Amino acid sequence: VVNHIPKLENKKDVVKAVGDTESLNGKEIKLGQTFWYLLDGAKVSANRGEALFEYKTVDDYDQRGDEFTGNVQVLAATDIVLKDGTIIKKGTNLTQYTTLTHDKKNGIVTIDFKADFLATVSNKSEFDADAYLEMKRIASGTFENTQKQYINGVEVVSNTVKTTTPEPEKPKTPEKPHEPVRKLPQTGEKASAGLLVAGVAILGMLGLGKFKRKEEVK
């Protein structure tokens, strides 16, 4: 008996809002901006020979630049058929069927589907779920993010996304108005010149007096 196991592939992306198709991967995110990491899950094929007992997503974000707000949405990425014939339509919110663990110190969010829910999924049905994590950019720099999935013991690693936040512009200091330079009156020079003339006149008068006295003596 040959049991063909299809290759499992997942994908990581960055978007502005849940359901947004415009990727922010490789682009700038403003300081203080909120955004969402899209954890595009791997699709498990239908007609499985083994029941689905594990579908877990582990997101390792950079806590130096990102802050997890606690908001999360998990959506069905394909129609899911349960064993009782119930069909969960693509796009249905599946968050209630998951448990979330947040390791704030190491920047790790784990979303794990509950075992009792997975036990209700038919082996004949495809299974695929996407998770959205809301983040807030809290620092400047370049930050990377990768997700890992564990599906029935198999590890699936996604691509790595990268975003950059520039340093905020520093407010410019307003220039002080230039005050006109006031010229002091040149009284000192005039006064000095006046004193010099007066001094010369006095010396002249003294000299003339001495000359007259000498004449009188003769």
N, C-alpha and C. Protein backbone atom coordinates (compact mmCIF):
# COMPACT_ATOMS: atom_id res chain seq x y z
N VAL A 1 0.85 -1.19 0.00
CA VAL A 1 0.00 0.00 0.00
C VAL A 1 0.89 1.23 0.00
N VAL A 2 0.65 2.14 -0.94
CA VAL A 2 1.41 3.38 -1.02
C VAL A 2 0.50 4.53 -0.60
N ASN A 3 0.95 5.27 0.42
CA ASN A 3 0.17 6.41 0.91
C ASN A 3 0.85 7.69 0.46
N HIS A 4 0.30 8.36 -0.54
CA HIS A 4 0.89 9.58 -1.06
C HIS A 4 0.58 10.76 -0.13
N ILE A 5 1.65 11.44 0.33
CA ILE A 5 1.49 12.59 1.21
C ILE A 5 1.78 13.85 0.42
N PRO A 6 0.78 14.68 0.19
CA PRO A 6 1.02 15.91 -0.59
C PRO A 6 1.91 16.87 0.17
N LYS A 7 2.63 17.68 -0.59
CA LYS A 7 3.51 18.67 0.03
C LYS A 7 2.67 19.77 0.65
N LEU A 8 2.98 20.10 1.90
CA LEU A 8 2.26 21.15 2.59
C LEU A 8 3.02 22.47 2.46
N GLU A 9 2.31 23.53 2.08
CA GLU A 9 2.93 24.83 1.92
C GLU A 9 2.06 25.90 2.58
N ASN A 10 2.72 26.80 3.29
CA ASN A 10 2.00 27.94 3.85
C ASN A 10 2.68 29.23 3.40
N LYS A 11 2.10 30.35 3.79
CA LYS A 11 2.62 31.63 3.33
C LYS A 11 2.42 32.68 4.41
N LYS A 12 3.35 33.63 4.44
CA LYS A 12 3.25 34.75 5.39
C LYS A 12 3.14 36.04 4.60
N ASP A 13 2.34 37.00 5.15
CA ASP A 13 2.20 38.29 4.49
C ASP A 13 1.88 39.36 5.53
N VAL A 14 1.90 40.62 5.07
CA VAL A 14 1.58 41.76 5.93
C VAL A 14 0.53 42.59 5.20
N VAL A 15 -0.57 42.90 5.90
CA VAL A 15 -1.66 43.66 5.28
C VAL A 15 -2.16 44.73 6.24
N LYS A 16 -2.90 45.69 5.69
CA LYS A 16 -3.44 46.78 6.51
C LYS A 16 -4.66 46.35 7.31
N ALA A 17 -5.44 45.42 6.74
CA ALA A 17 -6.69 45.02 7.39
C ALA A 17 -7.02 43.58 7.03
N VAL A 18 -7.88 42.95 7.81
CA VAL A 18 -8.31 41.58 7.54
C VAL A 18 -8.99 41.51 6.18
N GLY A 19 -8.55 40.58 5.34
CA GLY A 19 -9.13 40.44 4.02
C GLY A 19 -8.52 41.32 2.96
N ASP A 20 -7.60 42.21 3.36
CA ASP A 20 -6.96 43.11 2.39
C ASP A 20 -6.00 42.31 1.51
N THR A 21 -6.00 42.60 0.22
CA THR A 21 -5.14 41.86 -0.71
C THR A 21 -3.84 42.60 -1.04
N GLU A 22 -3.73 43.86 -0.60
CA GLU A 22 -2.51 44.63 -0.87
C GLU A 22 -1.45 44.28 0.16
N SER A 23 -0.32 43.76 -0.32
CA SER A 23 0.75 43.32 0.57
C SER A 23 1.63 44.49 0.98
N LEU A 24 2.02 44.51 2.26
CA LEU A 24 2.96 45.50 2.79
C LEU A 24 4.35 44.90 2.94
N ASN A 25 4.53 43.68 2.50
CA ASN A 25 5.83 43.03 2.61
C ASN A 25 6.88 43.82 1.82
N GLY A 26 8.00 44.15 2.49
CA GLY A 26 9.05 44.92 1.85
C GLY A 26 8.80 46.41 1.82
N LYS A 27 7.73 46.86 2.44
CA LYS A 27 7.37 48.29 2.40
C LYS A 27 7.55 48.94 3.77
N GLU A 28 7.25 50.22 3.83
CA GLU A 28 7.39 50.98 5.07
C GLU A 28 6.11 50.95 5.89
N ILE A 29 6.27 50.89 7.20
CA ILE A 29 5.16 51.00 8.13
C ILE A 29 5.49 52.15 9.08
N LYS A 30 4.54 53.03 9.29
CA LYS A 30 4.78 54.21 10.12
C LYS A 30 4.86 53.83 11.59
N LEU A 31 5.62 54.60 12.32
CA LEU A 31 5.71 54.40 13.77
C LEU A 31 4.34 54.65 14.40
N GLY A 32 3.87 53.68 15.19
CA GLY A 32 2.57 53.79 15.82
C GLY A 32 1.43 53.22 14.99
N GLN A 33 1.70 52.81 13.76
CA GLN A 33 0.66 52.27 12.88
C GLN A 33 0.28 50.85 13.29
N THR A 34 -1.01 50.52 13.19
CA THR A 34 -1.46 49.15 13.41
C THR A 34 -1.63 48.47 12.06
N PHE A 35 -1.35 47.17 12.03
CA PHE A 35 -1.43 46.39 10.81
C PHE A 35 -1.66 44.94 11.21
N TRP A 36 -1.74 44.04 10.21
CA TRP A 36 -2.02 42.63 10.50
C TRP A 36 -0.99 41.73 9.82
N TYR A 37 -0.52 40.74 10.55
CA TYR A 37 0.25 39.67 9.93
C TYR A 37 -0.74 38.60 9.48
N LEU A 38 -0.64 38.24 8.20
CA LEU A 38 -1.49 37.19 7.65
C LEU A 38 -0.73 35.88 7.68
N LEU A 39 -1.26 34.92 8.41
CA LEU A 39 -0.68 33.58 8.48
C LEU A 39 -1.52 32.67 7.59
N ASP A 40 -1.14 32.64 6.33
CA ASP A 40 -1.87 31.84 5.34
C ASP A 40 -1.51 30.37 5.57
N GLY A 41 -2.47 29.61 6.06
CA GLY A 41 -2.20 28.23 6.45
C GLY A 41 -2.05 27.27 5.29
N ALA A 42 -1.43 26.13 5.57
CA ALA A 42 -1.26 25.08 4.56
C ALA A 42 -2.58 24.33 4.37
N LYS A 43 -2.85 23.95 3.13
CA LYS A 43 -4.09 23.22 2.85
C LYS A 43 -3.84 21.72 2.99
N VAL A 44 -4.68 21.09 3.82
CA VAL A 44 -4.63 19.65 3.99
C VAL A 44 -5.60 19.03 2.99
N SER A 45 -5.13 18.10 2.19
CA SER A 45 -5.95 17.54 1.11
C SER A 45 -7.08 16.67 1.64
N ALA A 46 -8.05 16.44 0.78
CA ALA A 46 -9.20 15.58 1.13
C ALA A 46 -8.83 14.11 0.95
N ASN A 47 -9.75 13.25 1.41
CA ASN A 47 -9.58 11.79 1.30
C ASN A 47 -8.28 11.32 1.94
N ARG A 48 -8.10 11.77 3.20
CA ARG A 48 -6.90 11.42 3.96
C ARG A 48 -7.01 10.02 4.53
N GLY A 49 -5.86 9.35 4.63
CA GLY A 49 -5.85 8.04 5.28
C GLY A 49 -5.66 8.15 6.78
N GLU A 50 -5.38 9.38 7.25
CA GLU A 50 -5.18 9.62 8.67
C GLU A 50 -6.05 10.79 9.11
N ALA A 51 -6.67 10.67 10.26
CA ALA A 51 -7.52 11.74 10.77
C ALA A 51 -6.67 12.95 11.14
N LEU A 52 -7.24 14.12 10.98
CA LEU A 52 -6.54 15.35 11.32
C LEU A 52 -6.65 15.58 12.82
N PHE A 53 -5.51 15.51 13.51
CA PHE A 53 -5.53 15.70 14.97
C PHE A 53 -4.70 16.90 15.42
N GLU A 54 -3.96 17.52 14.50
CA GLU A 54 -3.16 18.69 14.87
C GLU A 54 -3.12 19.69 13.71
N TYR A 55 -3.42 20.95 14.04
CA TYR A 55 -3.30 22.04 13.07
C TYR A 55 -2.96 23.28 13.90
N LYS A 56 -1.67 23.53 14.04
CA LYS A 56 -1.18 24.58 14.95
C LYS A 56 -0.28 25.54 14.19
N THR A 57 -0.43 26.82 14.49
CA THR A 57 0.38 27.86 13.87
C THR A 57 1.15 28.60 14.94
N VAL A 58 2.44 28.77 14.70
CA VAL A 58 3.31 29.49 15.64
C VAL A 58 3.93 30.68 14.90
N ASP A 59 3.62 31.88 15.38
CA ASP A 59 4.14 33.09 14.75
C ASP A 59 5.21 33.71 15.64
N ASP A 60 6.41 33.85 15.08
CA ASP A 60 7.54 34.42 15.82
C ASP A 60 7.77 35.84 15.31
N TYR A 61 7.22 36.81 16.02
CA TYR A 61 7.38 38.21 15.61
C TYR A 61 8.52 38.86 16.40
N ASP A 62 9.00 40.00 15.90
CA ASP A 62 10.10 40.71 16.55
C ASP A 62 9.53 41.69 17.56
N GLN A 63 9.60 41.32 18.83
CA GLN A 63 8.99 42.12 19.89
C GLN A 63 9.70 43.46 20.11
N ARG A 64 10.87 43.64 19.52
CA ARG A 64 11.56 44.94 19.63
C ARG A 64 10.83 46.02 18.83
N GLY A 65 10.17 45.61 17.75
CA GLY A 65 9.50 46.59 16.90
C GLY A 65 8.00 46.43 16.81
N ASP A 66 7.49 45.24 17.19
CA ASP A 66 6.05 44.96 17.09
C ASP A 66 5.46 44.66 18.46
N GLU A 67 4.23 45.10 18.62
CA GLU A 67 3.48 44.82 19.85
C GLU A 67 2.16 44.17 19.46
N PHE A 68 1.92 42.95 19.95
CA PHE A 68 0.68 42.24 19.65
C PHE A 68 -0.46 42.86 20.43
N THR A 69 -1.50 43.29 19.73
CA THR A 69 -2.63 43.97 20.38
C THR A 69 -3.58 42.99 21.07
N GLY A 70 -3.49 41.71 20.73
CA GLY A 70 -4.41 40.71 21.27
C GLY A 70 -5.56 40.38 20.34
N ASN A 71 -5.71 41.18 19.28
CA ASN A 71 -6.77 40.92 18.31
C ASN A 71 -6.33 39.85 17.33
N VAL A 72 -7.15 38.84 17.14
CA VAL A 72 -6.85 37.73 16.24
C VAL A 72 -8.14 37.26 15.58
N GLN A 73 -8.02 36.86 14.32
CA GLN A 73 -9.13 36.26 13.60
C GLN A 73 -8.62 35.05 12.84
N VAL A 74 -9.34 33.95 12.96
CA VAL A 74 -9.00 32.72 12.23
C VAL A 74 -10.18 32.40 11.31
N LEU A 75 -9.91 32.35 10.01
CA LEU A 75 -10.97 32.17 9.02
C LEU A 75 -10.76 30.89 8.22
N ALA A 76 -11.85 30.23 7.88
CA ALA A 76 -11.78 29.05 7.02
C ALA A 76 -11.35 29.50 5.62
N ALA A 77 -10.29 28.87 5.09
CA ALA A 77 -9.78 29.23 3.77
C ALA A 77 -10.31 28.30 2.69
N THR A 78 -11.16 27.37 3.07
CA THR A 78 -11.82 26.45 2.13
C THR A 78 -13.10 25.95 2.78
N ASP A 79 -14.00 25.39 2.01
CA ASP A 79 -15.17 24.74 2.62
C ASP A 79 -14.70 23.53 3.42
N ILE A 80 -15.25 23.38 4.62
CA ILE A 80 -14.87 22.26 5.49
C ILE A 80 -16.12 21.42 5.76
N VAL A 81 -16.01 20.14 5.49
CA VAL A 81 -17.14 19.23 5.71
C VAL A 81 -16.90 18.44 6.99
N LEU A 82 -17.91 18.47 7.87
CA LEU A 82 -17.81 17.71 9.11
C LEU A 82 -18.36 16.31 8.92
N LYS A 83 -18.10 15.44 9.88
CA LYS A 83 -18.51 14.05 9.78
C LYS A 83 -20.03 13.89 9.75
N ASP A 84 -20.75 14.84 10.33
CA ASP A 84 -22.22 14.75 10.34
C ASP A 84 -22.83 15.37 9.09
N GLY A 85 -21.98 15.80 8.14
CA GLY A 85 -22.47 16.38 6.89
C GLY A 85 -22.57 17.89 6.89
N THR A 86 -22.35 18.51 8.04
CA THR A 86 -22.39 19.97 8.10
C THR A 86 -21.24 20.56 7.28
N ILE A 87 -21.54 21.63 6.56
CA ILE A 87 -20.51 22.29 5.75
C ILE A 87 -20.22 23.67 6.34
N ILE A 88 -18.98 23.87 6.70
CA ILE A 88 -18.52 25.19 7.15
C ILE A 88 -17.98 25.91 5.92
N LYS A 89 -18.64 26.99 5.54
CA LYS A 89 -18.30 27.68 4.31
C LYS A 89 -16.98 28.45 4.43
N LYS A 90 -16.33 28.57 3.31
CA LYS A 90 -15.09 29.36 3.23
C LYS A 90 -15.36 30.78 3.71
N GLY A 91 -14.46 31.31 4.55
CA GLY A 91 -14.62 32.66 5.09
C GLY A 91 -15.26 32.69 6.47
N THR A 92 -15.76 31.53 6.94
CA THR A 92 -16.37 31.47 8.27
C THR A 92 -15.32 31.71 9.35
N ASN A 93 -15.69 32.47 10.38
CA ASN A 93 -14.78 32.73 11.50
C ASN A 93 -14.67 31.49 12.38
N LEU A 94 -13.45 30.96 12.50
CA LEU A 94 -13.21 29.74 13.27
C LEU A 94 -12.48 30.02 14.58
N THR A 95 -12.35 31.28 14.96
CA THR A 95 -11.56 31.64 16.14
C THR A 95 -12.03 30.91 17.39
N GLN A 96 -13.33 30.68 17.51
CA GLN A 96 -13.86 30.02 18.70
C GLN A 96 -13.40 28.57 18.83
N TYR A 97 -12.92 27.98 17.75
CA TYR A 97 -12.46 26.59 17.78
C TYR A 97 -10.95 26.47 18.02
N THR A 98 -10.33 27.62 18.39
CA THR A 98 -8.89 27.62 18.61
C THR A 98 -8.55 28.12 20.01
N THR A 99 -7.34 27.82 20.45
CA THR A 99 -6.80 28.39 21.67
C THR A 99 -5.58 29.23 21.30
N LEU A 100 -5.40 30.34 22.00
CA LEU A 100 -4.29 31.24 21.70
C LEU A 100 -3.38 31.37 22.91
N THR A 101 -2.09 31.26 22.67
CA THR A 101 -1.08 31.45 23.70
C THR A 101 -0.12 32.53 23.24
N HIS A 102 0.16 33.48 24.14
CA HIS A 102 1.05 34.59 23.78
C HIS A 102 2.24 34.64 24.74
N ASP A 103 3.42 34.44 24.19
CA ASP A 103 4.67 34.58 24.94
C ASP A 103 5.22 35.96 24.62
N LYS A 104 4.85 36.95 25.44
CA LYS A 104 5.21 38.34 25.17
C LYS A 104 6.71 38.57 25.23
N LYS A 105 7.36 37.90 26.18
CA LYS A 105 8.80 38.10 26.37
C LYS A 105 9.59 37.72 25.12
N ASN A 106 9.25 36.60 24.50
CA ASN A 106 9.97 36.11 23.33
C ASN A 106 9.28 36.45 22.01
N GLY A 107 8.13 37.10 22.08
CA GLY A 107 7.43 37.50 20.85
C GLY A 107 6.90 36.32 20.05
N ILE A 108 6.15 35.44 20.70
CA ILE A 108 5.62 34.25 20.02
C ILE A 108 4.12 34.12 20.29
N VAL A 109 3.35 34.03 19.21
CA VAL A 109 1.90 33.78 19.33
C VAL A 109 1.61 32.40 18.75
N THR A 110 0.92 31.58 19.51
CA THR A 110 0.58 30.22 19.07
C THR A 110 -0.94 30.09 18.98
N ILE A 111 -1.41 29.65 17.81
CA ILE A 111 -2.84 29.41 17.59
C ILE A 111 -3.01 27.93 17.31
N ASP A 112 -3.75 27.26 18.18
CA ASP A 112 -3.87 25.81 18.10
C ASP A 112 -5.36 25.43 17.98
N PHE A 113 -5.70 24.68 16.94
CA PHE A 113 -7.09 24.21 16.83
C PHE A 113 -7.37 23.16 17.90
N LYS A 114 -8.52 23.29 18.51
CA LYS A 114 -8.91 22.36 19.57
C LYS A 114 -9.10 20.95 19.01
N ALA A 115 -8.61 19.97 19.77
CA ALA A 115 -8.66 18.57 19.32
C ALA A 115 -10.09 18.09 19.11
N ASP A 116 -11.02 18.54 19.99
CA ASP A 116 -12.39 18.06 19.85
C ASP A 116 -13.05 18.60 18.58
N PHE A 117 -12.63 19.78 18.11
CA PHE A 117 -13.16 20.30 16.86
C PHE A 117 -12.57 19.52 15.68
N LEU A 118 -11.26 19.31 15.67
CA LEU A 118 -10.63 18.58 14.57
C LEU A 118 -11.19 17.17 14.45
N ALA A 119 -11.62 16.59 15.57
CA ALA A 119 -12.18 15.23 15.54
C ALA A 119 -13.50 15.18 14.79
N THR A 120 -14.16 16.34 14.62
CA THR A 120 -15.44 16.37 13.91
C THR A 120 -15.27 16.54 12.40
N VAL A 121 -14.04 16.84 11.95
CA VAL A 121 -13.78 17.07 10.53
C VAL A 121 -13.68 15.75 9.79
N SER A 122 -14.39 15.65 8.69
CA SER A 122 -14.38 14.43 7.89
C SER A 122 -13.03 14.25 7.20
N ASN A 123 -12.55 13.02 7.14
CA ASN A 123 -11.31 12.73 6.41
C ASN A 123 -11.46 12.96 4.91
N LYS A 124 -12.69 13.04 4.44
CA LYS A 124 -12.94 13.26 3.02
C LYS A 124 -12.90 14.75 2.66
N SER A 125 -12.76 15.59 3.68
CA SER A 125 -12.82 17.04 3.46
C SER A 125 -11.44 17.68 3.45
N GLU A 126 -11.30 18.70 2.64
CA GLU A 126 -10.10 19.54 2.73
C GLU A 126 -10.15 20.33 4.03
N PHE A 127 -8.98 20.78 4.48
CA PHE A 127 -8.96 21.64 5.66
C PHE A 127 -7.87 22.70 5.45
N ASP A 128 -8.27 23.94 5.62
CA ASP A 128 -7.34 25.05 5.45
C ASP A 128 -7.87 26.24 6.24
N ALA A 129 -6.99 26.89 7.00
CA ALA A 129 -7.40 28.04 7.80
C ALA A 129 -6.31 29.10 7.78
N ASP A 130 -6.74 30.36 7.69
CA ASP A 130 -5.83 31.50 7.74
C ASP A 130 -6.04 32.26 9.04
N ALA A 131 -4.95 32.73 9.61
CA ALA A 131 -5.03 33.51 10.85
C ALA A 131 -4.51 34.92 10.60
N TYR A 132 -5.13 35.88 11.26
CA TYR A 132 -4.70 37.28 11.20
C TYR A 132 -4.36 37.74 12.61
N LEU A 133 -3.17 38.34 12.76
CA LEU A 133 -2.75 38.88 14.06
C LEU A 133 -2.55 40.38 13.92
N GLU A 134 -3.21 41.16 14.77
CA GLU A 134 -3.05 42.60 14.71
C GLU A 134 -1.83 43.03 15.52
N MET A 135 -1.01 43.87 14.91
CA MET A 135 0.21 44.35 15.54
C MET A 135 0.25 45.88 15.51
N LYS A 136 1.08 46.43 16.39
CA LYS A 136 1.35 47.87 16.41
C LYS A 136 2.85 48.07 16.33
N ARG A 137 3.28 48.94 15.42
CA ARG A 137 4.71 49.21 15.28
C ARG A 137 5.15 50.20 16.36
N ILE A 138 6.10 49.78 17.18
CA ILE A 138 6.47 50.57 18.36
C ILE A 138 7.90 51.10 18.30
N ALA A 139 8.64 50.80 17.24
CA ALA A 139 10.02 51.27 17.15
C ALA A 139 10.44 51.41 15.69
N SER A 140 11.48 52.16 15.48
CA SER A 140 12.03 52.33 14.14
C SER A 140 13.03 51.22 13.86
N GLY A 141 13.19 50.90 12.57
CA GLY A 141 14.14 49.86 12.18
C GLY A 141 13.54 48.93 11.14
N THR A 142 14.25 47.84 10.87
CA THR A 142 13.79 46.81 9.94
C THR A 142 13.49 45.55 10.73
N PHE A 143 12.31 44.98 10.50
CA PHE A 143 11.85 43.84 11.29
C PHE A 143 11.35 42.72 10.39
N GLU A 144 11.68 41.48 10.79
CA GLU A 144 11.31 40.30 10.02
C GLU A 144 10.35 39.42 10.81
N ASN A 145 9.61 38.60 10.08
CA ASN A 145 8.62 37.75 10.73
C ASN A 145 8.42 36.47 9.91
N THR A 146 8.37 35.33 10.61
CA THR A 146 8.18 34.03 9.96
C THR A 146 7.18 33.21 10.78
N GLN A 147 6.40 32.41 10.10
CA GLN A 147 5.48 31.52 10.82
C GLN A 147 5.85 30.06 10.58
N LYS A 148 5.54 29.24 11.56
CA LYS A 148 5.69 27.79 11.43
C LYS A 148 4.35 27.14 11.74
N GLN A 149 4.08 26.05 11.04
CA GLN A 149 2.87 25.28 11.32
C GLN A 149 3.25 23.84 11.66
N TYR A 150 2.41 23.25 12.48
CA TYR A 150 2.59 21.84 12.84
C TYR A 150 1.27 21.13 12.54
N ILE A 151 1.32 20.26 11.53
CA ILE A 151 0.12 19.56 11.07
C ILE A 151 0.37 18.06 11.19
N ASN A 152 -0.32 17.47 12.17
CA ASN A 152 -0.12 16.03 12.45
C ASN A 152 1.37 15.68 12.58
N GLY A 153 2.09 16.55 13.31
CA GLY A 153 3.50 16.28 13.59
C GLY A 153 4.47 16.75 12.53
N VAL A 154 3.97 17.25 11.40
CA VAL A 154 4.83 17.72 10.32
C VAL A 154 5.03 19.23 10.45
N GLU A 155 6.30 19.68 10.44
CA GLU A 155 6.58 21.11 10.54
C GLU A 155 6.61 21.74 9.14
N VAL A 156 5.92 22.85 9.01
CA VAL A 156 5.87 23.58 7.74
C VAL A 156 6.31 25.01 8.03
N VAL A 157 7.37 25.47 7.35
CA VAL A 157 7.92 26.81 7.58
C VAL A 157 7.57 27.72 6.41
N SER A 158 7.13 28.91 6.73
CA SER A 158 6.71 29.87 5.69
C SER A 158 7.89 30.70 5.20
N ASN A 159 7.59 31.55 4.25
CA ASN A 159 8.54 32.59 3.84
C ASN A 159 8.68 33.61 4.96
N THR A 160 9.68 34.47 4.85
CA THR A 160 9.90 35.53 5.84
C THR A 160 9.50 36.87 5.25
N VAL A 161 8.73 37.63 6.00
CA VAL A 161 8.35 38.97 5.55
C VAL A 161 9.20 40.00 6.27
N LYS A 162 9.37 41.15 5.62
CA LYS A 162 10.22 42.20 6.17
C LYS A 162 9.58 43.56 5.95
N THR A 163 9.54 44.36 6.99
CA THR A 163 9.03 45.73 6.89
C THR A 163 10.00 46.68 7.58
N THR A 164 9.94 47.95 7.17
CA THR A 164 10.86 48.95 7.70
C THR A 164 10.10 50.17 8.19
N THR A 165 10.55 50.70 9.31
CA THR A 165 9.96 51.92 9.86
C THR A 165 11.07 52.95 10.02
N PRO A 166 10.98 54.09 9.29
CA PRO A 166 12.03 55.10 9.39
C PRO A 166 11.98 55.85 10.71
N GLU A 167 13.11 56.49 11.04
CA GLU A 167 13.16 57.33 12.23
C GLU A 167 12.22 58.51 12.04
N PRO A 168 11.48 58.90 13.07
CA PRO A 168 10.60 60.06 12.93
C PRO A 168 11.42 61.33 12.74
N GLU A 169 10.88 62.25 11.95
CA GLU A 169 11.57 63.51 11.71
C GLU A 169 11.58 64.36 12.98
N LYS A 170 12.77 64.89 13.28
CA LYS A 170 12.89 65.75 14.46
C LYS A 170 12.33 67.13 14.14
N PRO A 171 11.57 67.71 15.08
CA PRO A 171 11.01 69.06 14.81
C PRO A 171 12.14 70.07 14.66
N LYS A 172 11.99 70.93 13.67
CA LYS A 172 13.01 71.94 13.41
C LYS A 172 12.88 73.08 14.42
N THR A 173 14.02 73.51 14.96
CA THR A 173 14.04 74.63 15.89
C THR A 173 13.91 75.93 15.11
N PRO A 174 12.90 76.75 15.44
CA PRO A 174 12.73 78.01 14.69
C PRO A 174 13.93 78.93 14.87
N GLU A 175 14.37 79.54 13.78
CA GLU A 175 15.51 80.44 13.84
C GLU A 175 15.12 81.75 14.52
N LYS A 176 16.04 82.25 15.35
CA LYS A 176 15.79 83.52 16.03
C LYS A 176 15.95 84.66 15.03
N PRO A 177 15.05 85.66 15.10
CA PRO A 177 15.18 86.80 14.18
C PRO A 177 16.46 87.57 14.45
N HIS A 178 17.09 88.02 13.37
CA HIS A 178 18.34 88.77 13.51
C HIS A 178 18.03 90.19 14.00
N GLU A 179 18.67 90.57 15.12
CA GLU A 179 18.48 91.91 15.65
C GLU A 179 19.46 92.87 14.97
N PRO A 180 18.98 94.05 14.58
CA PRO A 180 19.89 95.02 13.93
C PRO A 180 20.99 95.46 14.88
N VAL A 181 22.20 95.57 14.34
CA VAL A 181 23.36 95.97 15.16
C VAL A 181 23.34 97.48 15.30
N ARG A 182 23.29 97.94 16.53
CA ARG A 182 23.26 99.37 16.79
C ARG A 182 24.68 99.90 16.89
N LYS A 183 24.98 100.97 16.11
CA LYS A 183 26.30 101.60 16.15
C LYS A 183 26.32 102.68 17.21
N LEU A 184 27.28 102.55 18.08
CA LEU A 184 27.42 103.56 19.12
C LEU A 184 28.00 104.84 18.53
N PRO A 185 27.57 105.97 19.00
CA PRO A 185 28.14 107.23 18.50
C PRO A 185 29.63 107.30 18.78
N GLN A 186 30.37 107.78 17.82
CA GLN A 186 31.83 107.82 17.94
C GLN A 186 32.27 109.03 18.75
N THR A 187 31.71 109.14 19.94
CA THR A 187 32.04 110.27 20.82
C THR A 187 33.44 110.15 21.37
N GLY A 188 33.88 108.91 21.52
CA GLY A 188 35.21 108.72 22.09
C GLY A 188 36.29 109.30 21.21
N GLU A 189 36.19 109.06 19.89
CA GLU A 189 37.21 109.55 18.97
C GLU A 189 37.21 111.07 18.93
N LYS A 190 35.99 111.66 18.87
CA LYS A 190 35.89 113.12 18.82
C LYS A 190 36.41 113.75 20.10
N ALA A 191 36.06 113.09 21.21
CA ALA A 191 36.50 113.61 22.50
C ALA A 191 38.01 113.56 22.60
N SER A 192 38.58 112.45 22.14
CA SER A 192 40.04 112.30 22.20
C SER A 192 40.71 113.36 21.34
N ALA A 193 40.13 113.58 20.15
CA ALA A 193 40.70 114.60 19.27
C ALA A 193 40.62 115.98 19.90
N GLY A 194 39.49 116.24 20.56
CA GLY A 194 39.31 117.53 21.22
C GLY A 194 40.30 117.73 22.34
N LEU A 195 40.49 116.69 23.14
CA LEU A 195 41.45 116.78 24.24
C LEU A 195 42.85 117.00 23.73
N LEU A 196 43.17 116.32 22.61
CA LEU A 196 44.50 116.45 22.03
C LEU A 196 44.74 117.90 21.58
N VAL A 197 43.78 118.52 20.93
CA VAL A 197 43.90 119.91 20.49
C VAL A 197 44.04 120.83 21.68
N ALA A 198 43.22 120.58 22.71
CA ALA A 198 43.27 121.42 23.90
C ALA A 198 44.62 121.30 24.60
N GLY A 199 45.13 120.06 24.62
CA GLY A 199 46.43 119.83 25.25
C GLY A 199 47.54 120.55 24.53
N VAL A 200 47.51 120.52 23.21
CA VAL A 200 48.52 121.21 22.41
C VAL A 200 48.44 122.71 22.64
N ALA A 201 47.24 123.24 22.72
CA ALA A 201 47.06 124.68 22.95
C ALA A 201 47.62 125.09 24.29
N ILE A 202 47.37 124.27 25.30
CA ILE A 202 47.87 124.59 26.65
C ILE A 202 49.39 124.57 26.67
N LEU A 203 49.95 123.51 26.03
CA LEU A 203 51.41 123.43 25.99
C LEU A 203 51.99 124.63 25.26
N GLY A 204 51.32 125.07 24.20
CA GLY A 204 51.80 126.23 23.45
C GLY A 204 51.80 127.48 24.30
N MET A 205 50.73 127.64 25.07
CA MET A 205 50.63 128.81 25.91
C MET A 205 51.71 128.80 26.99
N LEU A 206 51.96 127.61 27.55
CA LEU A 206 53.01 127.51 28.57
C LEU A 206 54.35 127.83 27.98
N GLY A 207 54.60 127.33 26.79
CA GLY A 207 55.89 127.61 26.13
C GLY A 207 56.04 129.09 25.84
N LEU A 208 54.98 129.74 25.40
CA LEU A 208 55.03 131.17 25.10
C LEU A 208 55.32 131.98 26.35
N GLY A 209 54.74 131.53 27.48
CA GLY A 209 54.97 132.23 28.76
C GLY A 209 56.42 132.16 29.18
N LYS A 210 57.04 131.02 29.01
CA LYS A 210 58.44 130.86 29.37
C LYS A 210 59.30 131.75 28.49
N PHE A 211 58.94 131.83 27.19
CA PHE A 211 59.73 132.64 26.25
C PHE A 211 59.69 134.11 26.66
N LYS A 212 58.51 134.60 27.08
CA LYS A 212 58.39 135.99 27.49
C LYS A 212 59.18 136.26 28.74
N ARG A 213 59.16 135.32 29.67
CA ARG A 213 59.89 135.52 30.91
C ARG A 213 61.40 135.63 30.64
N LYS A 214 61.88 134.83 29.69
CA LYS A 214 63.30 134.91 29.35
C LYS A 214 63.64 136.25 28.76
N GLU A 215 62.72 136.78 27.95
CA GLU A 215 62.97 138.09 27.36
C GLU A 215 63.02 139.19 28.42
N GLU A 216 62.13 139.05 29.41
CA GLU A 216 62.10 140.04 30.49
C GLU A 216 63.38 140.01 31.30
N VAL A 217 63.94 138.85 31.49
CA VAL A 217 65.17 138.71 32.27
C VAL A 217 66.31 139.40 31.56
N LYS A 218 66.36 139.29 30.24
CA LYS A 218 67.41 139.97 29.48
C LYS A 218 67.28 141.46 29.67
